[in-house]
Amino acid sequence: MPLRGRDGGGEPTTQNSRRDHAAEQGDHRRRAQRHGETVGPHEPCGHDTEAHGERRDRPEGENRVPDRRMRGDTANGAGLSDHSRTLRRHCFDRHPAFGPAWTAPPRACFMVRSAGPALAGSDMRVTITGANGFIGRALAGRLRDHGHTVGGVDLHADAAAGVVAGDIGQDGDWQDRVAGSDLIIHAAAVVSNAVGRHGQWRVNVAGTRRVVDAAARGRVTRFVHLSSIRAFSDVHFPDGVTEDHAVRPDGNPYVDTKIAGEQVVLQAHAAGQIAVTIVRPGDVYGPGSRPWTVLPVQLIKKNLFLLPAGGHGIFSPVYLDDLVDGLLLAADNPAAAGQVFTLAGGVGVPCREFFGHYYRMLGKRGPLCAPTGIAVAVAAAAARATALAGGTTEINAISMRYFTRTGTYSIDKARRMLGYEPAVDLAAGMARTEQWLRAQRLVP
């Protein structure tokens, strides 16, 4: 893979930026006043104080993951200051002081802060790829609640939701929907451990390139790309890993194509085509989540769910609403341009604890656990049998190895720069998820 810079990118600077900054302040103020906005004092974006807390580490020399919670960071960062009022699309405009290549706006650019962590102010045009997915729908709902015009692209159209049909793996009319937006949130992806390399490359890499190119041609000024914590690899990363840790291809098509997809958007940012922020979500669960809610429940009901490593592998859950909060904070903050953020729940829990909630909801004992070697062999045999029958399954060796992780992920950078703070702990998130599962009649 091509070499990557620290945090996947940096904040370009020029010799002219300080000299022209005072003039730019006046420009932003006059443009905001023309739109009837309240103009408040300038302040730095994303540099707030943090209070340091403790982190619980494994005892030295311990060779398995302890059956207890692990923290993914060392900070309880304070939110952004309340008097920061207004972010307009002016903050995302190409900055004339920086010449022809795009760079991040000055740190004194206005930033909106509403009662909730979402974009506010006047109507913005937002396009979401993968708009029919559970993350896309949650994002669209939140944005509409704040008065924005939201459309999207997905394999199937939804006229009521402003979603047009389109396959980002090939050129099409969907590219016209991207043009003219103020913000693109790119959530479309093949998320699977069962799809082969070609199928994942077509969407996760080549498709991402098409979305970026369509956005650049349409003069879109802001692009938020959903990657994955799996860019760190599935198992070869340190506990509390931060965004400046090197990504690691490991032969898994999903891991490798998510890394390559990041490279595509970072290339576009470095070339001055568009301002990009990369977000790496943790293990997203909650209403509508297929990988970490619907599918596990279905497998548990059929007695087909098995955990390796005795269930002691670490899971890094983040509730859907917390992820949406973080995504909108990342889109809201000009200082996030060129940056990579991990958005997880800030803690790791043993897999048997996380999935044990679904067993409880179903009135079953479990989870069923086994040594890693046995679990991997069983899953591999199941995958081969399914393939011989002409099907695919997420029960395979890759999935088993994912459940053997020994660490979790730091969210300290998102706390510090974005004011991100997960609000829904596992108990509350599972209670909400259980209500949804019962409403969908997925649990009795």
Protein backbone atom coordinates (compact mmCIF):
# COMPACT_ATOMS: atom_id res chain seq x y z
CA MET A 1 0.00 0.00 0.00
CA PRO A 2 1.15 3.60 -0.54
CA LEU A 3 2.70 5.31 2.41
CA ARG A 4 0.37 7.26 4.67
CA GLY A 5 1.09 10.28 6.83
CA ARG A 6 0.39 10.62 10.52
CA ASP A 7 -3.36 10.35 11.20
CA GLY A 8 -3.94 9.83 7.50
CA GLY A 9 -3.23 13.42 6.64
CA GLY A 10 -2.27 16.77 8.03
CA GLU A 11 -3.40 20.35 8.02
CA PRO A 12 -1.69 22.16 5.15
CA THR A 13 -0.48 25.64 5.98
CA THR A 14 0.80 28.52 3.88
CA GLN A 15 2.93 31.54 4.54
CA ASN A 16 -0.02 33.72 3.59
CA SER A 17 -2.53 32.31 6.04
CA ARG A 18 -1.60 34.45 9.03
CA ARG A 19 -1.13 37.58 6.94
CA ASP A 20 -4.57 37.27 5.36
CA HIS A 21 -6.41 35.95 8.40
CA ALA A 22 -7.70 39.32 9.60
CA ALA A 23 -9.19 40.05 6.18
CA GLU A 24 -10.77 36.61 6.10
CA GLN A 25 -12.42 37.20 9.48
CA GLY A 26 -14.13 40.23 8.04
CA ASP A 27 -15.21 38.28 4.95
CA HIS A 28 -16.76 35.50 7.02
CA ARG A 29 -18.53 38.05 9.23
CA ARG A 30 -19.99 39.97 6.29
CA ARG A 31 -21.14 36.79 4.51
CA ALA A 32 -22.76 35.50 7.68
CA GLN A 33 -24.57 38.80 8.24
CA ARG A 34 -25.93 38.75 4.68
CA HIS A 35 -27.61 35.43 5.56
CA GLY A 36 -29.14 36.88 8.71
CA GLU A 37 -26.91 34.95 11.10
CA THR A 38 -25.86 35.91 14.57
CA VAL A 39 -22.14 36.56 14.45
CA GLY A 40 -20.25 35.78 17.62
CA PRO A 41 -16.61 36.02 18.63
CA HIS A 42 -14.05 33.89 16.82
CA GLU A 43 -12.52 31.01 18.70
CA PRO A 44 -10.23 28.09 17.88
CA CYS A 45 -12.05 24.97 16.69
CA GLY A 46 -11.49 21.73 18.53
CA HIS A 47 -8.84 22.65 21.07
CA ASP A 48 -10.56 22.28 24.40
CA THR A 49 -9.42 21.16 27.81
CA GLU A 50 -9.57 17.56 28.90
CA ALA A 51 -9.63 15.89 32.26
CA HIS A 52 -7.44 12.86 32.55
CA GLY A 53 -8.73 9.70 34.11
CA GLU A 54 -7.36 6.27 34.86
CA ARG A 55 -6.94 3.37 32.54
CA ARG A 56 -7.10 -0.22 33.61
CA ASP A 57 -4.40 -2.30 31.98
CA ARG A 58 -3.86 -6.02 31.98
CA PRO A 59 -1.38 -7.32 34.54
CA GLU A 60 2.07 -7.64 33.03
CA GLY A 61 2.64 -11.05 31.52
CA GLU A 62 -1.03 -12.05 31.47
CA ASN A 63 -1.53 -14.07 28.30
CA ARG A 64 -5.26 -13.82 27.86
CA VAL A 65 -7.81 -11.05 27.90
CA PRO A 66 -9.23 -10.56 31.40
CA ASP A 67 -12.96 -10.93 31.86
CA ARG A 68 -13.53 -7.30 32.74
CA ARG A 69 -14.02 -3.97 31.07
CA MET A 70 -11.08 -2.29 29.42
CA ARG A 71 -10.85 1.39 28.66
CA GLY A 72 -9.90 2.44 25.16
CA ASP A 73 -8.46 5.82 26.09
CA THR A 74 -7.11 7.90 28.93
CA ALA A 75 -9.25 11.02 28.78
CA ASN A 76 -12.69 12.31 29.58
CA GLY A 77 -12.55 15.34 27.29
CA ALA A 78 -14.71 18.37 27.82
CA GLY A 79 -17.12 19.38 25.05
CA LEU A 80 -16.60 22.32 22.80
CA SER A 81 -17.38 25.74 24.29
CA ASP A 82 -21.01 26.83 24.29
CA HIS A 83 -20.58 30.29 22.78
CA SER A 84 -19.30 28.96 19.45
CA ARG A 85 -22.45 29.67 17.45
CA THR A 86 -22.32 29.57 13.68
CA LEU A 87 -20.93 27.23 11.06
CA ARG A 88 -21.99 28.00 7.57
CA ARG A 89 -20.86 26.40 4.40
CA HIS A 90 -18.53 29.44 4.14
CA CYS A 91 -16.25 27.56 6.52
CA PHE A 92 -15.95 24.80 3.96
CA ASP A 93 -15.40 27.08 0.93
CA ARG A 94 -12.09 26.97 -0.89
CA HIS A 95 -9.98 29.44 1.01
CA PRO A 96 -8.70 32.20 -1.33
CA ALA A 97 -5.69 32.94 0.85
CA PHE A 98 -4.36 29.45 0.26
CA GLY A 99 -4.11 29.58 -3.52
CA PRO A 100 -5.52 27.02 -5.96
CA ALA A 101 -5.09 23.93 -3.79
CA TRP A 102 -7.67 23.42 -1.03
CA THR A 103 -6.51 23.58 2.57
CA ALA A 104 -8.33 23.65 5.87
CA PRO A 105 -9.99 26.99 6.71
CA PRO A 106 -8.39 29.09 9.46
CA ARG A 107 -8.96 27.70 12.92
CA ALA A 108 -10.91 30.81 13.86
CA CYS A 109 -13.65 29.88 11.37
CA PHE A 110 -17.12 29.91 12.93
CA MET A 111 -18.47 26.63 14.20
CA VAL A 112 -22.09 25.97 15.04
CA ARG A 113 -22.95 24.49 18.41
CA SER A 114 -26.58 23.64 19.05
CA ALA A 115 -28.19 21.91 21.97
CA GLY A 116 -27.39 18.59 20.38
CA PRO A 117 -24.29 17.46 18.49
CA ALA A 118 -25.63 18.06 14.99
CA LEU A 119 -25.25 20.58 12.20
CA ALA A 120 -27.42 23.64 12.70
CA GLY A 121 -28.03 26.96 11.05
CA SER A 122 -29.70 27.43 7.69
CA ASP A 123 -30.55 24.70 5.23
CA MET A 124 -27.61 22.67 3.91
CA ARG A 125 -27.80 20.15 1.09
CA VAL A 126 -26.50 16.79 2.25
CA THR A 127 -26.12 13.61 0.20
CA ILE A 128 -25.60 10.24 1.91
CA THR A 129 -24.35 7.23 -0.01
CA GLY A 130 -25.65 3.95 1.36
CA ALA A 131 -28.68 6.00 2.44
CA ASN A 132 -30.94 2.98 2.96
CA GLY A 133 -28.56 1.34 5.42
CA PHE A 134 -29.15 1.60 9.14
CA ILE A 135 -26.44 4.23 9.61
CA GLY A 136 -27.58 6.20 6.56
CA ARG A 137 -31.19 6.28 7.72
CA ALA A 138 -30.23 7.40 11.21
CA LEU A 139 -28.04 10.17 9.79
CA ALA A 140 -30.75 11.34 7.41
CA GLY A 141 -33.32 11.51 10.18
CA ARG A 142 -31.06 13.55 12.43
CA LEU A 143 -30.14 15.97 9.65
CA ARG A 144 -33.77 16.51 8.66
CA ASP A 145 -34.65 17.15 12.28
CA HIS A 146 -32.19 20.05 12.11
CA GLY A 147 -33.74 21.53 8.99
CA HIS A 148 -31.41 20.28 6.28
CA THR A 149 -32.28 18.97 2.83
CA VAL A 150 -31.13 15.34 2.66
CA GLY A 151 -30.93 13.05 -0.35
CA GLY A 152 -29.09 9.88 -0.99
CA VAL A 153 -27.88 7.09 -3.22
CA ASP A 154 -28.43 3.38 -2.71
CA LEU A 155 -29.01 0.27 -4.79
CA HIS A 156 -32.78 0.76 -4.51
CA ALA A 157 -34.59 4.07 -4.78
CA ASP A 158 -36.75 5.49 -2.02
CA ALA A 159 -38.54 8.50 -3.48
CA ALA A 160 -40.12 9.47 -0.16
CA ALA A 161 -36.67 9.73 1.41
CA GLY A 162 -35.06 11.43 -1.59
CA VAL A 163 -32.92 8.38 -2.36
CA VAL A 164 -32.09 7.61 -6.00
CA ALA A 165 -31.08 4.19 -7.27
CA GLY A 166 -27.44 3.80 -8.13
CA ASP A 167 -24.54 1.38 -7.97
CA ILE A 168 -21.40 3.28 -7.03
CA GLY A 169 -19.40 0.44 -8.56
CA GLN A 170 -20.23 1.84 -11.98
CA ASP A 171 -20.93 5.23 -13.55
CA GLY A 172 -24.54 6.33 -13.69
CA ASP A 173 -27.14 9.02 -13.16
CA TRP A 174 -26.54 8.75 -9.41
CA GLN A 175 -23.45 10.92 -9.89
CA ASP A 176 -25.70 13.88 -10.73
CA ARG A 177 -27.26 13.63 -7.26
CA VAL A 178 -23.86 14.10 -5.67
CA ALA A 179 -23.14 17.33 -7.56
CA GLY A 180 -24.29 20.53 -5.92
CA SER A 181 -24.30 19.19 -2.36
CA ASP A 182 -22.71 21.06 0.50
CA LEU A 183 -21.75 17.85 2.30
CA ILE A 184 -21.29 14.23 1.25
CA ILE A 185 -21.36 11.48 3.87
CA HIS A 186 -20.04 8.36 2.18
CA ALA A 187 -21.45 5.35 4.01
CA ALA A 188 -21.93 2.95 1.08
CA ALA A 189 -19.75 -0.14 1.36
CA VAL A 190 -19.69 -3.90 1.16
CA VAL A 191 -19.54 -4.90 4.83
CA SER A 192 -18.95 -8.62 4.90
CA ASN A 193 -16.48 -11.35 5.77
CA ALA A 194 -17.96 -13.56 3.04
CA VAL A 195 -17.70 -11.44 -0.13
CA GLY A 196 -14.54 -11.95 -2.19
CA ARG A 197 -11.82 -9.47 -3.01
CA HIS A 198 -13.20 -8.40 -6.39
CA GLY A 199 -16.67 -7.65 -5.05
CA GLN A 200 -15.30 -5.61 -2.17
CA TRP A 201 -12.73 -3.76 -4.27
CA ARG A 202 -15.41 -2.79 -6.80
CA VAL A 203 -17.43 -0.91 -4.16
CA ASN A 204 -15.10 -0.09 -1.27
CA VAL A 205 -12.25 1.22 -3.43
CA ALA A 206 -13.29 1.85 -7.06
CA GLY A 207 -16.75 2.95 -5.93
CA THR A 208 -15.28 5.34 -3.40
CA ARG A 209 -13.12 6.84 -6.15
CA ARG A 210 -16.24 7.44 -8.27
CA VAL A 211 -18.03 9.17 -5.40
CA VAL A 212 -15.02 11.39 -4.68
CA ASP A 213 -14.63 12.30 -8.37
CA ALA A 214 -18.34 13.12 -8.74
CA ALA A 215 -18.17 15.28 -5.62
CA ALA A 216 -15.08 17.13 -6.87
CA ARG A 217 -16.64 17.76 -10.30
CA GLY A 218 -19.76 19.06 -8.60
CA ARG A 219 -17.72 21.44 -6.43
CA VAL A 220 -18.80 19.77 -3.20
CA THR A 221 -16.71 21.28 -0.44
CA ARG A 222 -16.95 18.70 2.36
CA PHE A 223 -16.67 14.90 2.36
CA VAL A 224 -16.95 12.56 5.37
CA HIS A 225 -15.85 8.99 4.66
CA LEU A 226 -16.90 6.04 6.80
CA SER A 227 -14.04 3.59 7.08
CA SER A 228 -13.66 1.04 9.88
CA ILE A 229 -11.61 0.24 12.97
CA ARG A 230 -10.62 -2.84 11.00
CA ALA A 231 -8.12 -0.69 9.09
CA PHE A 232 -5.84 -1.40 12.07
CA SER A 233 -6.20 -5.11 11.09
CA ASP A 234 -8.41 -7.56 12.94
CA VAL A 235 -5.99 -8.71 15.60
CA HIS A 236 -2.53 -7.17 15.19
CA PHE A 237 -2.88 -3.88 17.05
CA PRO A 238 -2.07 -2.70 20.59
CA ASP A 239 -4.72 -2.14 23.24
CA GLY A 240 -5.79 1.51 23.24
CA VAL A 241 -4.62 1.95 19.63
CA THR A 242 -4.70 5.53 18.37
CA GLU A 243 -5.19 7.00 14.91
CA ASP A 244 -1.47 7.56 14.36
CA HIS A 245 -0.82 3.82 14.52
CA ALA A 246 -0.02 2.33 11.10
CA VAL A 247 -2.81 0.58 9.26
CA ARG A 248 -2.11 -3.07 8.46
CA PRO A 249 -3.39 -5.12 5.50
CA ASP A 250 -3.83 -8.71 6.61
CA GLY A 251 -5.18 -10.53 3.54
CA ASN A 252 -8.83 -10.16 4.57
CA PRO A 253 -10.60 -8.49 1.61
CA TYR A 254 -12.72 -6.27 3.85
CA VAL A 255 -9.74 -5.04 5.88
CA ASP A 256 -7.58 -4.49 2.83
CA THR A 257 -10.23 -2.65 0.80
CA LYS A 258 -11.15 -0.35 3.68
CA ILE A 259 -7.49 0.63 3.93
CA ALA A 260 -7.33 1.24 0.17
CA GLY A 261 -10.56 3.25 0.32
CA GLU A 262 -9.00 5.54 2.91
CA GLN A 263 -6.05 6.04 0.62
CA VAL A 264 -8.37 7.09 -2.22
CA VAL A 265 -10.00 9.88 -0.23
CA LEU A 266 -6.74 11.02 1.35
CA GLN A 267 -5.25 11.33 -2.14
CA ALA A 268 -8.16 13.56 -3.12
CA HIS A 269 -7.65 15.72 -0.04
CA ALA A 270 -3.90 16.00 -0.60
CA ALA A 271 -4.49 17.00 -4.24
CA GLY A 272 -6.80 19.81 -3.18
CA GLN A 273 -9.88 18.24 -4.78
CA ILE A 274 -12.09 18.22 -1.68
CA ALA A 275 -11.88 18.54 2.10
CA VAL A 276 -12.07 15.05 3.57
CA THR A 277 -12.51 13.59 7.04
CA ILE A 278 -12.22 9.85 7.70
CA VAL A 279 -14.20 8.23 10.49
CA ARG A 280 -13.48 4.71 11.74
CA PRO A 281 -16.57 3.46 13.58
CA GLY A 282 -16.31 0.80 16.26
CA ASP A 283 -18.63 -2.21 16.41
CA VAL A 284 -21.91 -0.40 15.72
CA TYR A 285 -24.97 -2.01 17.28
CA GLY A 286 -28.56 -0.96 17.85
CA PRO A 287 -31.82 -0.81 15.88
CA GLY A 288 -31.27 -2.04 12.32
CA SER A 289 -27.65 -3.16 12.74
CA ARG A 290 -27.30 -6.31 10.70
CA PRO A 291 -23.79 -7.43 11.72
CA TRP A 292 -23.99 -6.83 15.46
CA THR A 293 -27.72 -7.07 16.24
CA VAL A 294 -29.92 -8.77 13.63
CA LEU A 295 -27.54 -11.48 12.42
CA PRO A 296 -26.32 -12.58 15.89
CA VAL A 297 -29.93 -12.86 17.09
CA GLN A 298 -30.85 -14.96 14.06
CA LEU A 299 -27.86 -17.28 14.57
CA ILE A 300 -28.49 -17.62 18.30
CA LYS A 301 -32.10 -18.60 17.65
CA LYS A 302 -30.82 -21.39 15.36
CA ASN A 303 -28.11 -22.45 17.86
CA LEU A 304 -25.43 -21.59 15.30
CA PHE A 305 -23.58 -18.88 17.23
CA LEU A 306 -20.15 -19.76 18.63
CA LEU A 307 -17.43 -17.66 20.23
CA PRO A 308 -13.71 -18.49 20.14
CA ALA A 309 -11.12 -17.81 22.86
CA GLY A 310 -13.59 -18.95 25.49
CA GLY A 311 -15.58 -15.77 24.84
CA HIS A 312 -12.76 -13.64 26.29
CA GLY A 313 -11.97 -11.74 23.08
CA ILE A 314 -12.62 -8.01 23.31
CA PHE A 315 -15.57 -6.34 21.59
CA SER A 316 -15.70 -2.54 21.12
CA PRO A 317 -19.36 -1.54 20.93
CA VAL A 318 -20.71 1.87 19.98
CA TYR A 319 -24.43 2.55 20.02
CA LEU A 320 -25.88 3.89 16.76
CA ASP A 321 -26.94 7.26 18.19
CA ASP A 322 -23.46 7.91 19.56
CA LEU A 323 -21.92 7.20 16.17
CA VAL A 324 -24.33 9.63 14.51
CA ASP A 325 -23.38 12.27 17.08
CA GLY A 326 -19.71 11.78 16.25
CA LEU A 327 -20.21 11.82 12.49
CA LEU A 328 -22.05 15.12 12.63
CA LEU A 329 -19.43 16.62 14.92
CA ALA A 330 -16.78 15.58 12.39
CA ALA A 331 -18.75 17.17 9.55
CA ASP A 332 -19.34 20.28 11.68
CA ASN A 333 -15.73 21.07 12.47
CA PRO A 334 -13.43 22.63 9.83
CA ALA A 335 -10.40 21.53 11.85
CA ALA A 336 -11.41 17.92 11.15
CA ALA A 337 -10.49 18.27 7.46
CA GLY A 338 -7.60 15.96 6.60
CA GLN A 339 -7.98 14.04 9.86
CA VAL A 340 -8.84 10.46 10.84
CA PHE A 341 -11.03 9.77 13.88
CA THR A 342 -11.97 6.59 15.69
CA LEU A 343 -15.58 6.77 16.91
CA ALA A 344 -16.24 3.93 19.32
CA GLY A 345 -17.75 3.64 22.78
CA GLY A 346 -14.47 4.19 24.58
CA VAL A 347 -14.54 0.79 26.31
CA GLY A 348 -13.95 -2.82 25.40
CA VAL A 349 -15.99 -5.65 26.87
CA PRO A 350 -15.56 -9.42 26.59
CA CYS A 351 -17.47 -10.84 23.63
CA ARG A 352 -19.39 -13.18 25.91
CA GLU A 353 -20.68 -10.17 27.86
CA PHE A 354 -21.82 -8.28 24.76
CA PHE A 355 -23.53 -11.20 23.01
CA GLY A 356 -24.81 -12.52 26.31
CA HIS A 357 -27.40 -9.74 26.22
CA TYR A 358 -29.00 -11.33 23.15
CA TYR A 359 -29.09 -14.73 24.83
CA ARG A 360 -30.87 -13.15 27.78
CA MET A 361 -33.42 -11.48 25.47
CA LEU A 362 -34.13 -14.85 23.84
CA GLY A 363 -34.34 -16.69 27.15
CA LYS A 364 -31.38 -18.89 26.27
CA ARG A 365 -28.30 -19.95 28.19
CA GLY A 366 -25.04 -18.88 26.66
CA PRO A 367 -23.05 -17.82 24.79
CA LEU A 368 -21.59 -21.08 23.53
CA CYS A 369 -17.79 -20.74 23.70
CA ALA A 370 -14.87 -22.89 22.55
CA PRO A 371 -11.07 -22.75 22.29
CA THR A 372 -9.98 -20.69 19.30
CA GLY A 373 -8.61 -23.61 17.26
CA ILE A 374 -11.83 -25.57 17.56
CA ALA A 375 -14.04 -22.56 16.83
CA VAL A 376 -12.04 -21.62 13.72
CA ALA A 377 -12.12 -25.22 12.42
CA VAL A 378 -15.89 -25.47 12.95
CA ALA A 379 -16.52 -22.15 11.21
CA ALA A 380 -14.25 -23.02 8.29
CA ALA A 381 -16.05 -26.33 7.80
CA ALA A 382 -19.43 -24.55 7.88
CA ALA A 383 -18.25 -22.06 5.27
CA ARG A 384 -17.02 -24.85 2.97
CA ALA A 385 -20.30 -26.74 3.29
CA THR A 386 -22.28 -23.60 2.49
CA ALA A 387 -20.07 -22.85 -0.52
CA LEU A 388 -20.58 -26.38 -1.88
CA ALA A 389 -24.32 -25.76 -1.66
CA GLY A 390 -23.89 -22.56 -3.68
CA GLY A 391 -24.29 -20.10 -0.81
CA THR A 392 -22.27 -17.79 1.40
CA THR A 393 -22.18 -17.37 5.15
CA GLU A 394 -20.69 -14.97 7.66
CA ILE A 395 -19.87 -18.00 9.81
CA ASN A 396 -16.28 -18.45 8.70
CA ALA A 397 -12.70 -18.39 9.95
CA ILE A 398 -12.35 -14.61 9.42
CA SER A 399 -15.31 -13.91 11.69
CA MET A 400 -13.95 -16.24 14.36
CA ARG A 401 -10.59 -14.52 14.37
CA TYR A 402 -12.28 -11.14 14.70
CA PHE A 403 -13.72 -12.31 18.00
CA THR A 404 -10.22 -12.99 19.38
CA ARG A 405 -9.11 -9.35 19.59
CA THR A 406 -7.16 -8.57 22.76
CA GLY A 407 -7.57 -4.81 22.90
CA THR A 408 -9.82 -1.88 22.15
CA TYR A 409 -9.54 1.56 20.54
CA SER A 410 -8.79 5.02 21.90
CA ILE A 411 -11.31 7.79 21.24
CA ASP A 412 -9.15 10.43 22.91
CA LYS A 413 -8.52 12.33 19.65
CA ALA A 414 -12.25 12.61 18.88
CA ARG A 415 -12.89 13.78 22.42
CA ARG A 416 -10.16 16.38 22.22
CA MET A 417 -10.77 17.77 18.74
CA LEU A 418 -14.50 17.22 18.24
CA GLY A 419 -15.96 17.24 21.74
CA TYR A 420 -17.23 13.72 21.11
CA GLU A 421 -18.48 11.87 24.18
CA PRO A 422 -20.49 8.63 23.99
CA ALA A 423 -23.74 9.10 25.89
CA VAL A 424 -25.24 5.60 25.72
CA ASP A 425 -23.54 2.89 27.76
CA LEU A 426 -23.93 -0.80 26.97
CA ALA A 427 -26.77 -1.42 29.43
CA ALA A 428 -28.84 1.50 28.11
CA GLY A 429 -28.01 0.67 24.49
CA MET A 430 -29.06 -2.94 24.89
CA ALA A 431 -32.31 -1.87 26.57
CA ARG A 432 -33.14 0.31 23.55
CA THR A 433 -32.06 -2.44 21.19
CA GLU A 434 -34.28 -4.96 22.96
CA GLN A 435 -37.29 -2.69 22.53
CA TRP A 436 -36.62 -2.49 18.79
CA LEU A 437 -36.05 -6.24 18.45
CA ARG A 438 -39.35 -6.94 20.18
CA ALA A 439 -41.16 -4.42 17.97
CA GLN A 440 -39.68 -6.21 14.93
CA ARG A 441 -40.67 -9.58 16.45
CA LEU A 442 -37.08 -10.77 16.25
CA VAL A 443 -37.21 -11.71 19.92
CA PRO A 444 -40.34 -12.98 21.74
